[in-house]
Amino acid sequence: MNDEILKELQYNGAMLEEIRDQNKALLEGQKDQATRADVGRLEQRLDALESNVKVIKAAVKATNRDVADVSREVEKHKGLPAHVAHGHA
């Protein structure tokens, strides 16, 4: 083989390696970008979930207060004759 052809082949091989390295770097960058977008979507979903949990907690607290009120009323009327407990004297 001619020295000039060999040098050309070596140059082409080096260029192909450079292109491969650049492609790898580009693909990694795209993966990172996709990952950041996924994280952003997950953060939005977590924010919405956190908001929903706050609403549920408030509803549970209100329900617990209502149950406690009803329990106190029931305790007040225990042992009373039925017609008195129901407000009929």
C-alpha atoms as a PDB file:
ATOM      1  CA  MET A   1       0.000   0.000   0.000  1.00  0.00           C
ATOM      2  CA  ASN A   2       1.122   3.462  -0.792  1.00  0.00           C
ATOM      3  CA  ASP A   3       2.140   5.691   2.188  1.00  0.00           C
ATOM      4  CA  GLU A   4      -0.238   8.397   1.052  1.00  0.00           C
ATOM      5  CA  ILE A   5      -3.197   6.003   1.023  1.00  0.00           C
ATOM      6  CA  LEU A   6      -2.225   4.653   4.449  1.00  0.00           C
ATOM      7  CA  LYS A   7      -2.048   8.198   5.881  1.00  0.00           C
ATOM      8  CA  GLU A   8      -5.446   8.961   4.339  1.00  0.00           C
ATOM      9  CA  LEU A   9      -6.943   5.825   5.905  1.00  0.00           C
ATOM     10  CA  GLN A  10      -5.458   6.717   9.309  1.00  0.00           C
ATOM     11  CA  TYR A  11      -6.836  10.240   9.002  1.00  0.00           C
ATOM     12  CA  ASN A  12     -10.270   8.907   8.059  1.00  0.00           C
ATOM     13  CA  GLY A  13     -10.153   6.493  11.010  1.00  0.00           C
ATOM     14  CA  ALA A  14      -9.279   9.328  13.376  1.00  0.00           C
ATOM     15  CA  MET A  15     -12.100  11.448  11.949  1.00  0.00           C
ATOM     16  CA  LEU A  16     -14.574   8.588  12.394  1.00  0.00           C
ATOM     17  CA  GLU A  17     -13.500   8.238  16.047  1.00  0.00           C
ATOM     18  CA  GLU A  18     -13.995  11.970  16.536  1.00  0.00           C
ATOM     19  CA  ILE A  19     -17.477  11.770  14.997  1.00  0.00           C
ATOM     20  CA  ARG A  20     -18.352   8.788  17.193  1.00  0.00           C
ATOM     21  CA  ASP A  21     -17.229  10.678  20.298  1.00  0.00           C
ATOM     22  CA  GLN A  22     -19.280  13.721  19.290  1.00  0.00           C
ATOM     23  CA  ASN A  23     -22.335  11.545  18.654  1.00  0.00           C
ATOM     24  CA  LYS A  24     -21.957   9.935  22.095  1.00  0.00           C
ATOM     25  CA  ALA A  25     -21.741  13.358  23.717  1.00  0.00           C
ATOM     26  CA  LEU A  26     -24.779  14.546  21.786  1.00  0.00           C
ATOM     27  CA  LEU A  27     -26.825  11.492  22.780  1.00  0.00           C
ATOM     28  CA  GLU A  28     -25.854  11.924  26.435  1.00  0.00           C
ATOM     29  CA  GLY A  29     -26.953  15.555  26.271  1.00  0.00           C
ATOM     30  CA  GLN A  30     -30.296  14.528  24.816  1.00  0.00           C
ATOM     31  CA  LYS A  31     -30.753  11.930  27.561  1.00  0.00           C
ATOM     32  CA  ASP A  32     -29.992  14.568  30.203  1.00  0.00           C
ATOM     33  CA  GLN A  33     -32.457  16.966  28.612  1.00  0.00           C
ATOM     34  CA  ALA A  34     -35.173  14.284  28.526  1.00  0.00           C
ATOM     35  CA  THR A  35     -34.411  13.423  32.138  1.00  0.00           C
ATOM     36  CA  ARG A  36     -34.747  17.078  33.183  1.00  0.00           C
ATOM     37  CA  ALA A  37     -38.113  17.271  31.398  1.00  0.00           C
ATOM     38  CA  ASP A  38     -39.255  14.085  33.159  1.00  0.00           C
ATOM     39  CA  VAL A  39     -38.175  15.509  36.517  1.00  0.00           C
ATOM     40  CA  GLY A  40     -40.101  18.705  35.773  1.00  0.00           C
ATOM     41  CA  ARG A  41     -43.264  16.743  35.016  1.00  0.00           C
ATOM     42  CA  LEU A  42     -42.817  14.676  38.177  1.00  0.00           C
ATOM     43  CA  GLU A  43     -42.384  17.837  40.241  1.00  0.00           C
ATOM     44  CA  GLN A  44     -45.647  19.203  38.828  1.00  0.00           C
ATOM     45  CA  ARG A  45     -47.447  15.972  39.656  1.00  0.00           C
ATOM     46  CA  LEU A  46     -45.994  15.995  43.175  1.00  0.00           C
ATOM     47  CA  ASP A  47     -47.138  19.584  43.688  1.00  0.00           C
ATOM     48  CA  ALA A  48     -50.662  18.630  42.615  1.00  0.00           C
ATOM     49  CA  LEU A  49     -50.571  15.583  44.870  1.00  0.00           C
ATOM     50  CA  GLU A  50     -49.400  17.682  47.807  1.00  0.00           C
ATOM     51  CA  SER A  51     -52.275  20.078  47.216  1.00  0.00           C
ATOM     52  CA  ASN A  52     -54.759  17.189  47.084  1.00  0.00           C
ATOM     53  CA  VAL A  53     -53.387  15.744  50.330  1.00  0.00           C
ATOM     54  CA  LYS A  54     -53.892  19.116  52.053  1.00  0.00           C
ATOM     55  CA  VAL A  55     -57.527  19.160  50.927  1.00  0.00           C
ATOM     56  CA  ILE A  56     -58.025  15.579  52.122  1.00  0.00           C
ATOM     57  CA  LYS A  57     -56.438  16.373  55.508  1.00  0.00           C
ATOM     58  CA  ALA A  58     -58.757  19.341  55.955  1.00  0.00           C
ATOM     59  CA  ALA A  59     -61.771  17.204  55.079  1.00  0.00           C
ATOM     60  CA  VAL A  60     -60.710  14.470  57.518  1.00  0.00           C
ATOM     61  CA  LYS A  61     -60.228  17.033  60.300  1.00  0.00           C
ATOM     62  CA  ALA A  62     -63.689  18.478  59.637  1.00  0.00           C
ATOM     63  CA  THR A  63     -65.205  14.997  59.622  1.00  0.00           C
ATOM     64  CA  ASN A  64     -63.439  14.143  62.881  1.00  0.00           C
ATOM     65  CA  ARG A  65     -64.866  17.317  64.474  1.00  0.00           C
ATOM     66  CA  ASP A  66     -68.344  16.380  63.241  1.00  0.00           C
ATOM     67  CA  VAL A  67     -68.008  12.846  64.609  1.00  0.00           C
ATOM     68  CA  ALA A  68     -66.823  14.214  67.954  1.00  0.00           C
ATOM     69  CA  ASP A  69     -69.832  16.587  68.065  1.00  0.00           C
ATOM     70  CA  VAL A  70     -72.252  13.770  67.284  1.00  0.00           C
ATOM     71  CA  SER A  71     -70.572  11.532  69.868  1.00  0.00           C
ATOM     72  CA  ARG A  72     -70.986  14.221  72.522  1.00  0.00           C
ATOM     73  CA  GLU A  73     -74.668  14.584  71.625  1.00  0.00           C
ATOM     74  CA  VAL A  74     -75.165  10.828  71.811  1.00  0.00           C
ATOM     75  CA  GLU A  75     -73.472  10.721  75.211  1.00  0.00           C
ATOM     76  CA  LYS A  76     -75.758  13.513  76.472  1.00  0.00           C
ATOM     77  CA  HIS A  77     -78.820  11.507  75.499  1.00  0.00           C
ATOM     78  CA  LYS A  78     -77.719   8.108  76.779  1.00  0.00           C
ATOM     79  CA  GLY A  79     -79.855   6.910  79.604  1.00  0.00           C
ATOM     80  CA  LEU A  80     -82.665   9.371  78.880  1.00  0.00           C
ATOM     81  CA  PRO A  81     -86.078   7.990  78.023  1.00  0.00           C
ATOM     82  CA  ALA A  82     -86.631   7.934  74.267  1.00  0.00           C
ATOM     83  CA  HIS A  83     -89.349  10.615  74.287  1.00  0.00           C
ATOM     84  CA  VAL A  84     -87.043  13.011  76.216  1.00  0.00           C
ATOM     85  CA  ALA A  85     -83.956  12.224  74.102  1.00  0.00           C
ATOM     86  CA  HIS A  86     -85.871  13.131  70.943  1.00  0.00           C
ATOM     87  CA  GLY A  87     -87.162  16.406  72.333  1.00  0.00           C
ATOM     88  CA  HIS A  88     -90.696  15.282  73.150  1.00  0.00           C
ATOM     89  CA  ALA A  89     -91.497  15.959  76.767  1.00  0.00           C
END
